[in-house]
C-alpha atoms as a PDB file:
ATOM      1  CA  MET A   1      93.320 190.787-219.098  1.00  0.00           C
ATOM      2  CA  SER A   2      94.504 192.063-222.488  1.00  0.00           C
ATOM      3  CA  LYS A   3      98.062 192.482-223.734  1.00  0.00           C
ATOM      4  CA  GLN A   4      99.670 195.682-222.518  1.00  0.00           C
ATOM      5  CA  SER A   5     102.492 198.064-223.277  1.00  0.00           C
ATOM      6  CA  GLY A   6     104.838 199.734-220.829  1.00  0.00           C
ATOM      7  CA  LEU A   7     103.347 203.190-221.292  1.00  0.00           C
ATOM      8  CA  GLY A   8     102.908 205.150-218.075  1.00  0.00           C
ATOM      9  CA  ASP A   9     105.394 203.138-216.018  1.00  0.00           C
ATOM     10  CA  ARG A  10     107.543 204.625-213.249  1.00  0.00           C
ATOM     11  CA  LEU A  11     111.001 204.139-211.727  1.00  0.00           C
ATOM     12  CA  LEU A  12     111.679 205.105-208.106  1.00  0.00           C
ATOM     13  CA  VAL A  13     115.213 204.921-206.703  1.00  0.00           C
ATOM     14  CA  SER A  14     115.893 205.333-202.979  1.00  0.00           C
ATOM     15  CA  GLY A  15     113.128 207.860-202.420  1.00  0.00           C
ATOM     16  CA  HIS A  16     113.494 209.696-205.747  1.00  0.00           C
ATOM     17  CA  ASN A  17     111.102 209.580-208.701  1.00  0.00           C
ATOM     18  CA  LEU A  18     113.439 209.313-211.699  1.00  0.00           C
ATOM     19  CA  SER A  19     110.721 208.373-214.193  1.00  0.00           C
ATOM     20  CA  GLY A  20     111.011 211.535-216.297  1.00  0.00           C
ATOM     21  CA  ASP A  21     114.754 211.049-216.835  1.00  0.00           C
ATOM     22  CA  THR A  22     114.632 207.287-217.474  1.00  0.00           C
ATOM     23  CA  ASN A  23     114.610 205.406-220.774  1.00  0.00           C
ATOM     24  CA  SER A  24     114.749 201.747-221.832  1.00  0.00           C
ATOM     25  CA  PRO A  25     114.803 199.943-218.463  1.00  0.00           C
ATOM     26  CA  THR A  26     115.630 196.234-218.549  1.00  0.00           C
ATOM     27  CA  LEU A  27     114.733 193.945-215.642  1.00  0.00           C
ATOM     28  CA  SER A  28     116.273 190.508-215.187  1.00  0.00           C
ATOM     29  CA  SER A  29     116.047 187.779-212.557  1.00  0.00           C
ATOM     30  CA  PRO A  30     118.535 185.017-213.437  1.00  0.00           C
ATOM     31  CA  GLN A  31     118.417 181.770-211.476  1.00  0.00           C
ATOM     32  CA  GLY A  32     121.442 179.594-210.844  1.00  0.00           C
ATOM     33  CA  THR A  33     121.080 175.849-211.399  1.00  0.00           C
ATOM     34  CA  GLN A  34     123.123 172.765-210.608  1.00  0.00           C
ATOM     35  CA  ALA A  35     123.005 169.689-212.821  1.00  0.00           C
ATOM     36  CA  VAL A  36     122.352 166.572-210.714  1.00  0.00           C
ATOM     37  CA  THR A  37     121.598 164.121-213.489  1.00  0.00           C
ATOM     38  CA  GLY A  38     122.027 160.499-212.519  1.00  0.00           C
ATOM     39  CA  ILE A  39     123.338 157.974-215.019  1.00  0.00           C
ATOM     40  CA  ASP A  40     119.961 156.249-214.953  1.00  0.00           C
ATOM     41  CA  LYS A  41     118.138 159.317-216.306  1.00  0.00           C
ATOM     42  CA  LEU A  42     117.219 160.090-219.901  1.00  0.00           C
ATOM     43  CA  ALA A  43     117.044 163.881-219.422  1.00  0.00           C
ATOM     44  CA  PHE A  44     118.762 166.492-217.290  1.00  0.00           C
ATOM     45  CA  GLU A  45     117.889 166.952-213.617  1.00  0.00           C
ATOM     46  CA  ARG A  46     118.637 170.321-212.038  1.00  0.00           C
ATOM     47  CA  LEU A  47     118.433 171.940-208.628  1.00  0.00           C
ATOM     48  CA  GLY A  48     117.599 175.619-208.244  1.00  0.00           C
ATOM     49  CA  LEU A  49     120.424 177.600-206.657  1.00  0.00           C
ATOM     50  CA  VAL A  50     120.941 181.253-205.697  1.00  0.00           C
ATOM     51  CA  ARG A  51     118.658 183.680-207.470  1.00  0.00           C
ATOM     52  CA  ASP A  52     119.815 187.065-208.666  1.00  0.00           C
ATOM     53  CA  GLY A  53     118.372 190.263-210.064  1.00  0.00           C
ATOM     54  CA  ALA A  54     119.365 193.316-212.022  1.00  0.00           C
ATOM     55  CA  LEU A  55     117.904 196.504-213.444  1.00  0.00           C
ATOM     56  CA  SER A  56     119.664 198.487-216.151  1.00  0.00           C
ATOM     57  CA  TRP A  57     118.519 201.661-217.862  1.00  0.00           C
ATOM     58  CA  THR A  58     119.529 204.811-219.707  1.00  0.00           C
ATOM     59  CA  ALA A  59     119.329 208.162-217.935  1.00  0.00           C
ATOM     60  CA  PHE A  60     118.994 211.527-219.631  1.00  0.00           C
ATOM     61  CA  PHE A  61     121.306 214.372-218.623  1.00  0.00           C
ATOM     62  CA  ASN A  62     118.943 216.810-216.937  1.00  0.00           C
ATOM     63  CA  PRO A  63     120.749 218.477-214.028  1.00  0.00           C
ATOM     64  CA  GLY A  64     119.560 221.240-211.787  1.00  0.00           C
ATOM     65  CA  ILE A  65     115.800 220.612-211.841  1.00  0.00           C
ATOM     66  CA  GLY A  66     115.622 219.713-208.151  1.00  0.00           C
ATOM     67  CA  ALA A  67     116.149 216.768-205.840  1.00  0.00           C
ATOM     68  CA  ASP A  68     114.732 214.240-208.298  1.00  0.00           C
ATOM     69  CA  ASP A  69     116.829 214.885-211.390  1.00  0.00           C
ATOM     70  CA  ALA A  70     118.665 211.721-212.379  1.00  0.00           C
ATOM     71  CA  HIS A  71     122.118 213.303-212.503  1.00  0.00           C
ATOM     72  CA  SER A  72     121.982 214.593-208.921  1.00  0.00           C
ATOM     73  CA  VAL A  73     120.930 211.166-207.640  1.00  0.00           C
ATOM     74  CA  LEU A  74     122.911 208.764-209.830  1.00  0.00           C
ATOM     75  CA  SER A  75     126.203 210.634-210.187  1.00  0.00           C
ATOM     76  CA  LYS A  76     126.928 210.076-206.483  1.00  0.00           C
ATOM     77  CA  LEU A  77     127.689 206.384-207.171  1.00  0.00           C
ATOM     78  CA  PRO A  78     126.910 205.300-203.591  1.00  0.00           C
ATOM     79  CA  ARG A  79     128.780 202.314-202.175  1.00  0.00           C
ATOM     80  CA  THR A  80     125.814 201.487-199.932  1.00  0.00           C
ATOM     81  CA  ASP A  81     122.675 199.725-201.170  1.00  0.00           C
ATOM     82  CA  VAL A  82     120.148 201.490-203.372  1.00  0.00           C
ATOM     83  CA  HIS A  83     116.462 200.553-203.522  1.00  0.00           C
ATOM     84  CA  CYS A  84     114.774 200.383-206.931  1.00  0.00           C
ATOM     85  CA  MET A  85     111.017 200.109-207.499  1.00  0.00           C
ATOM     86  CA  TYR A  86     109.650 199.639-211.018  1.00  0.00           C
ATOM     87  CA  LEU A  87     105.902 200.278-211.281  1.00  0.00           C
ATOM     88  CA  HIS A  88     103.884 198.971-214.223  1.00  0.00           C
ATOM     89  CA  THR A  89     101.482 201.922-214.527  1.00  0.00           C
ATOM     90  CA  VAL A  90     100.302 203.697-211.387  1.00  0.00           C
ATOM     91  CA  THR A  91      97.224 201.654-210.545  1.00  0.00           C
ATOM     92  CA  LEU A  92      96.331 199.921-207.293  1.00  0.00           C
ATOM     93  CA  GLY A  93      97.058 196.203-207.467  1.00  0.00           C
ATOM     94  CA  ARG A  94      99.156 196.343-210.640  1.00  0.00           C
ATOM     95  CA  PRO A  95     102.569 194.623-210.879  1.00  0.00           C
ATOM     96  CA  ALA A  96     105.730 196.119-209.453  1.00  0.00           C
ATOM     97  CA  ALA A  97     109.312 194.878-209.244  1.00  0.00           C
ATOM     98  CA  CYS A  98     111.710 195.803-206.455  1.00  0.00           C
ATOM     99  CA  LEU A  99     115.409 195.385-205.935  1.00  0.00           C
ATOM    100  CA  VAL A 100     117.902 196.033-203.148  1.00  0.00           C
ATOM    101  CA  ALA A 101     121.097 196.522-205.109  1.00  0.00           C
ATOM    102  CA  LYS A 102     124.473 198.085-205.714  1.00  0.00           C
ATOM    103  CA  GLN A 103     124.572 200.794-208.380  1.00  0.00           C
ATOM    104  CA  ILE A 104     127.146 199.878-211.000  1.00  0.00           C
ATOM    105  CA  GLY A 105     128.515 202.618-213.219  1.00  0.00           C
ATOM    106  CA  TYR A 106     127.289 205.932-214.510  1.00  0.00           C
ATOM    107  CA  ASP A 107     128.844 206.035-217.961  1.00  0.00           C
ATOM    108  CA  GLY A 108     128.079 208.970-220.214  1.00  0.00           C
ATOM    109  CA  THR A 109     127.850 208.832-224.007  1.00  0.00           C
ATOM    110  CA  ARG A 110     127.795 211.871-226.261  1.00  0.00           C
ATOM    111  CA  GLY A 111     126.401 210.873-229.647  1.00  0.00           C
ATOM    112  CA  ASP A 112     127.361 212.372-233.018  1.00  0.00           C
ATOM    113  CA  ASP A 113     123.882 213.857-233.164  1.00  0.00           C
ATOM    114  CA  GLY A 114     124.546 215.799-229.958  1.00  0.00           C
ATOM    115  CA  SER A 115     122.624 213.514-227.603  1.00  0.00           C
ATOM    116  CA  PHE A 116     124.049 213.006-224.112  1.00  0.00           C
ATOM    117  CA  THR A 117     122.905 209.988-222.069  1.00  0.00           C
ATOM    118  CA  PHE A 118     124.185 207.801-219.253  1.00  0.00           C
ATOM    119  CA  SER A 119     124.063 204.017-218.879  1.00  0.00           C
ATOM    120  CA  LEU A 120     124.022 202.235-215.543  1.00  0.00           C
ATOM    121  CA  SER A 121     122.767 199.156-213.765  1.00  0.00           C
ATOM    122  CA  ALA A 122     121.677 198.060-210.310  1.00  0.00           C
ATOM    123  CA  GLN A 123     122.753 194.552-209.332  1.00  0.00           C
ATOM    124  CA  ALA A 124     120.920 192.708-206.571  1.00  0.00           C
ATOM    125  CA  ASN A 125     122.477 192.441-203.138  1.00  0.00           C
ATOM    126  CA  GLY A 126     120.963 189.766-200.935  1.00  0.00           C
ATOM    127  CA  TYR A 127     117.441 189.148-202.201  1.00  0.00           C
ATOM    128  CA  GLY A 128     117.233 189.051-205.989  1.00  0.00           C
ATOM    129  CA  LEU A 129     114.545 190.792-208.017  1.00  0.00           C
ATOM    130  CA  GLU A 130     111.124 190.530-206.363  1.00  0.00           C
ATOM    131  CA  TRP A 131     107.818 190.948-208.222  1.00  0.00           C
ATOM    132  CA  GLY A 132     104.650 191.851-206.336  1.00  0.00           C
ATOM    133  CA  GLN A 133     101.578 194.074-206.433  1.00  0.00           C
ATOM    134  CA  GLN A 134     101.186 197.775-205.774  1.00  0.00           C
ATOM    135  CA  LEU A 135      99.425 198.517-202.491  1.00  0.00           C
ATOM    136  CA  THR A 136      99.314 202.193-203.463  1.00  0.00           C
ATOM    137  CA  PRO A 137      98.269 203.542-206.885  1.00  0.00           C
ATOM    138  CA  GLY A 138     101.839 204.464-207.724  1.00  0.00           C
ATOM    139  CA  PRO A 139     102.933 207.249-205.344  1.00  0.00           C
ATOM    140  CA  ARG A 140     100.128 207.989-202.865  1.00  0.00           C
ATOM    141  CA  THR A 141      99.738 211.320-201.072  1.00  0.00           C
ATOM    142  CA  ASP A 142      98.407 211.307-197.501  1.00  0.00           C
ATOM    143  CA  THR A 143      97.792 214.521-195.578  1.00  0.00           C
ATOM    144  CA  THR A 144      96.878 212.711-192.364  1.00  0.00           C
ATOM    145  CA  GLY A 145      96.844 209.142-191.069  1.00  0.00           C
ATOM    146  CA  THR A 146      94.894 207.124-193.656  1.00  0.00           C
ATOM    147  CA  SER A 147      93.641 203.587-194.209  1.00  0.00           C
ATOM    148  CA  GLY A 148      94.148 202.674-197.854  1.00  0.00           C
ATOM    149  CA  THR A 149      91.985 200.587-200.168  1.00  0.00           C
ATOM    150  CA  GLY A 150      92.312 196.817-199.959  1.00  0.00           C
ATOM    151  CA  VAL A 151      94.067 194.901-202.739  1.00  0.00           C
ATOM    152  CA  ASP A 152      93.142 191.356-203.757  1.00  0.00           C
ATOM    153  CA  MET A 153      96.463 189.505-203.712  1.00  0.00           C
ATOM    154  CA  GLY A 154      95.031 186.267-205.140  1.00  0.00           C
ATOM    155  CA  THR A 155      92.815 183.379-204.137  1.00  0.00           C
ATOM    156  CA  GLY A 156      92.930 182.356-200.489  1.00  0.00           C
ATOM    157  CA  ALA A 157      95.634 182.687-197.862  1.00  0.00           C
ATOM    158  CA  THR A 158      99.281 181.787-198.365  1.00  0.00           C
ATOM    159  CA  THR A 159     101.536 180.197-195.757  1.00  0.00           C
ATOM    160  CA  HIS A 160     105.040 181.369-196.702  1.00  0.00           C
ATOM    161  CA  GLY A 161     105.118 184.968-195.464  1.00  0.00           C
ATOM    162  CA  LEU A 162     105.656 188.120-197.500  1.00  0.00           C
ATOM    163  CA  GLN A 163     108.126 190.837-198.391  1.00  0.00           C
ATOM    164  CA  ALA A 164     107.208 194.500-198.789  1.00  0.00           C
ATOM    165  CA  TYR A 165     108.959 197.625-200.028  1.00  0.00           C
ATOM    166  CA  LEU A 166     108.391 201.283-199.170  1.00  0.00           C
ATOM    167  CA  GLN A 167     109.581 204.352-201.062  1.00  0.00           C
ATOM    168  CA  VAL A 168     108.994 207.691-199.330  1.00  0.00           C
ATOM    169  CA  LEU A 169     109.373 210.419-201.953  1.00  0.00           C
ATOM    170  CA  SER A 170     108.683 213.433-199.766  1.00  0.00           C
ATOM    171  CA  LEU A 171     107.576 214.216-196.228  1.00  0.00           C
ATOM    172  CA  THR A 172     106.332 217.426-194.653  1.00  0.00           C
ATOM    173  CA  GLY A 173     106.270 216.968-190.921  1.00  0.00           C
ATOM    174  CA  THR A 174     108.066 214.926-188.281  1.00  0.00           C
ATOM    175  CA  SER A 175     107.492 211.320-189.318  1.00  0.00           C
ATOM    176  CA  VAL A 176     105.193 208.870-191.069  1.00  0.00           C
ATOM    177  CA  THR A 177     104.763 205.183-190.306  1.00  0.00           C
ATOM    178  CA  ALA A 178     103.346 202.867-192.953  1.00  0.00           C
ATOM    179  CA  LYS A 179     102.122 199.398-192.053  1.00  0.00           C
ATOM    180  CA  LEU A 180     100.319 196.519-193.745  1.00  0.00           C
ATOM    181  CA  GLN A 181      96.950 195.176-192.675  1.00  0.00           C
ATOM    182  CA  GLU A 182      95.202 191.994-193.831  1.00  0.00           C
ATOM    183  CA  SER A 183      91.688 190.578-194.178  1.00  0.00           C
ATOM    184  CA  SER A 184      90.257 187.441-195.743  1.00  0.00           C
ATOM    185  CA  ASP A 185      87.315 189.288-197.336  1.00  0.00           C
ATOM    186  CA  ASN A 186      88.394 192.935-197.738  1.00  0.00           C
ATOM    187  CA  GLY A 187      87.028 193.853-194.323  1.00  0.00           C
ATOM    188  CA  VAL A 188      83.443 192.754-194.991  1.00  0.00           C
ATOM    189  CA  GLY A 189      83.169 190.161-192.244  1.00  0.00           C
ATOM    190  CA  ASP A 190      86.804 189.737-191.282  1.00  0.00           C
ATOM    191  CA  ALA A 191      88.010 192.994-189.743  1.00  0.00           C
ATOM    192  CA  TRP A 192      91.283 194.454-190.905  1.00  0.00           C
ATOM    193  CA  ALA A 193      94.189 193.559-188.604  1.00  0.00           C
ATOM    194  CA  ASP A 194      97.879 194.401-188.600  1.00  0.00           C
ATOM    195  CA  VAL A 195     100.143 191.961-190.410  1.00  0.00           C
ATOM    196  CA  THR A 196     102.640 190.565-187.923  1.00  0.00           C
ATOM    197  CA  GLY A 197     106.019 191.961-188.909  1.00  0.00           C
ATOM    198  CA  GLY A 198     104.333 194.157-191.519  1.00  0.00           C
ATOM    199  CA  ALA A 199     105.213 197.614-190.154  1.00  0.00           C
ATOM    200  CA  PHE A 200     107.939 199.761-191.666  1.00  0.00           C
ATOM    201  CA  THR A 201     110.212 201.861-189.483  1.00  0.00           C
ATOM    202  CA  ALA A 202     108.925 205.416-189.016  1.00  0.00           C
ATOM    203  CA  ALA A 203     110.301 207.537-191.853  1.00  0.00           C
ATOM    204  CA  THR A 204     111.524 211.042-191.058  1.00  0.00           C
ATOM    205  CA  ALA A 205     112.649 211.960-194.589  1.00  0.00           C
ATOM    206  CA  ALA A 206     112.661 210.637-198.146  1.00  0.00           C
ATOM    207  CA  GLY A 207     114.118 207.147-198.429  1.00  0.00           C
ATOM    208  CA  ALA A 208     113.334 203.464-198.926  1.00  0.00           C
ATOM    209  CA  GLN A 209     112.886 200.320-196.840  1.00  0.00           C
ATOM    210  CA  ARG A 210     112.385 196.568-197.257  1.00  0.00           C
ATOM    211  CA  ILE A 211     110.717 194.330-194.678  1.00  0.00           C
ATOM    212  CA  GLN A 212     109.872 190.637-194.536  1.00  0.00           C
ATOM    213  CA  THR A 213     107.699 188.565-192.223  1.00  0.00           C
ATOM    214  CA  ALA A 214     108.473 185.142-190.804  1.00  0.00           C
ATOM    215  CA  ALA A 215     109.029 182.594-193.568  1.00  0.00           C
ATOM    216  CA  GLY A 216     106.157 180.306-192.520  1.00  0.00           C
ATOM    217  CA  GLN A 217     103.626 183.011-191.692  1.00  0.00           C
ATOM    218  CA  THR A 218     100.058 182.846-193.007  1.00  0.00           C
ATOM    219  CA  VAL A 219      99.051 185.920-195.004  1.00  0.00           C
ATOM    220  CA  LYS A 220      95.412 186.555-195.864  1.00  0.00           C
ATOM    221  CA  ARG A 221      93.991 187.293-199.303  1.00  0.00           C
ATOM    222  CA  TYR A 222      93.556 191.080-199.034  1.00  0.00           C
ATOM    223  CA  LEU A 223      96.199 193.616-198.012  1.00  0.00           C
ATOM    224  CA  ARG A 224      96.105 197.374-197.502  1.00  0.00           C
ATOM    225  CA  VAL A 225      98.459 200.123-196.304  1.00  0.00           C
ATOM    226  CA  THR A 226      97.689 202.433-193.388  1.00  0.00           C
ATOM    227  CA  THR A 227      99.669 205.455-192.265  1.00  0.00           C
ATOM    228  CA  SER A 228     100.066 207.269-188.979  1.00  0.00           C
ATOM    229  CA  GLY A 229     102.380 209.898-187.561  1.00  0.00           C
ATOM    230  CA  THR A 230     102.892 213.630-187.344  1.00  0.00           C
ATOM    231  CA  PHE A 231     102.846 215.039-190.857  1.00  0.00           C
ATOM    232  CA  THR A 232     100.860 217.288-193.162  1.00  0.00           C
ATOM    233  CA  GLN A 233     101.902 215.564-196.380  1.00  0.00           C
ATOM    234  CA  ALA A 234     103.573 212.244-197.155  1.00  0.00           C
ATOM    235  CA  VAL A 235     104.135 210.990-200.703  1.00  0.00           C
ATOM    236  CA  PHE A 236     105.040 207.308-200.798  1.00  0.00           C
ATOM    237  CA  ALA A 237     104.646 204.011-202.657  1.00  0.00           C
ATOM    238  CA  VAL A 238     104.349 200.457-201.316  1.00  0.00           C
ATOM    239  CA  MET A 239     104.665 197.069-203.003  1.00  0.00           C
ATOM    240  CA  ALA A 240     104.104 193.652-201.402  1.00  0.00           C
ATOM    241  CA  ASN A 241     104.801 190.092-202.512  1.00  0.00           C
ATOM    242  CA  ARG A 242     103.076 187.105-200.906  1.00  0.00           C
ATOM    243  CA  ASN A 243     105.275 184.049-201.363  1.00  0.00           C
ATOM    244  CA  PRO A 244     103.446 181.179-203.106  1.00  0.00           C
ATOM    245  CA  VAL A 245     106.233 178.775-202.115  1.00  0.00           C
ATOM    246  CA  ALA A 246     108.813 178.639-199.350  1.00  0.00           C
ATOM    247  CA  VAL A 247     111.715 181.056-199.754  1.00  0.00           C
ATOM    248  CA  ASP A 248     115.063 181.397-198.012  1.00  0.00           C
ATOM    249  CA  PHE A 249     117.068 184.627-197.866  1.00  0.00           C
END
């Protein structure tokens, strides 16, 4: 794979596509460490501690364009958690980073040149920043229950479970349920089957969710997203992360 730029990326926040009003996002995933160097050692020894995550960006002032303008969403400064999903392009299987966080600040700056922008950050609450792969090509639009295309998550099965994130951007109808299915060979000889613990709660409006399976669960190589429910249009995005090592939340 060649070197790439960040052109064509997206930012979704709690069921809103804020990509058009977003500039200069910065993602970070700091890791705490504890020095445990014995006196018989010639170099430092460290233990990994609590991991963190943050996403900061600049928002343009663009009010009144509808439900997805940044000002309408971000100026509310919610005290509850927000869900952020950063998509590197809108292509099936490409990287994505997700964060359950608290929104910190919404500070406006009016420049001498007349520009008007806002700076803010989202700081992780509970899980840190999680990188995974897109199981939808950016936002996907379903008009009926649909089985998506399989995504190769990497060689072989893993044995440490997974986490997955859902952003529902719009829904016309009563509800939509998204769930993950798995196969060892993209459904060629091994039929697709539901991932245990891989179903999101039925969504009845725009919003976001995070789910995780059992920590020691085996997850097969290929994953896909299926939808069901009573709807005529659902626009949503899903990201999943298979854990290569044991994790503890």
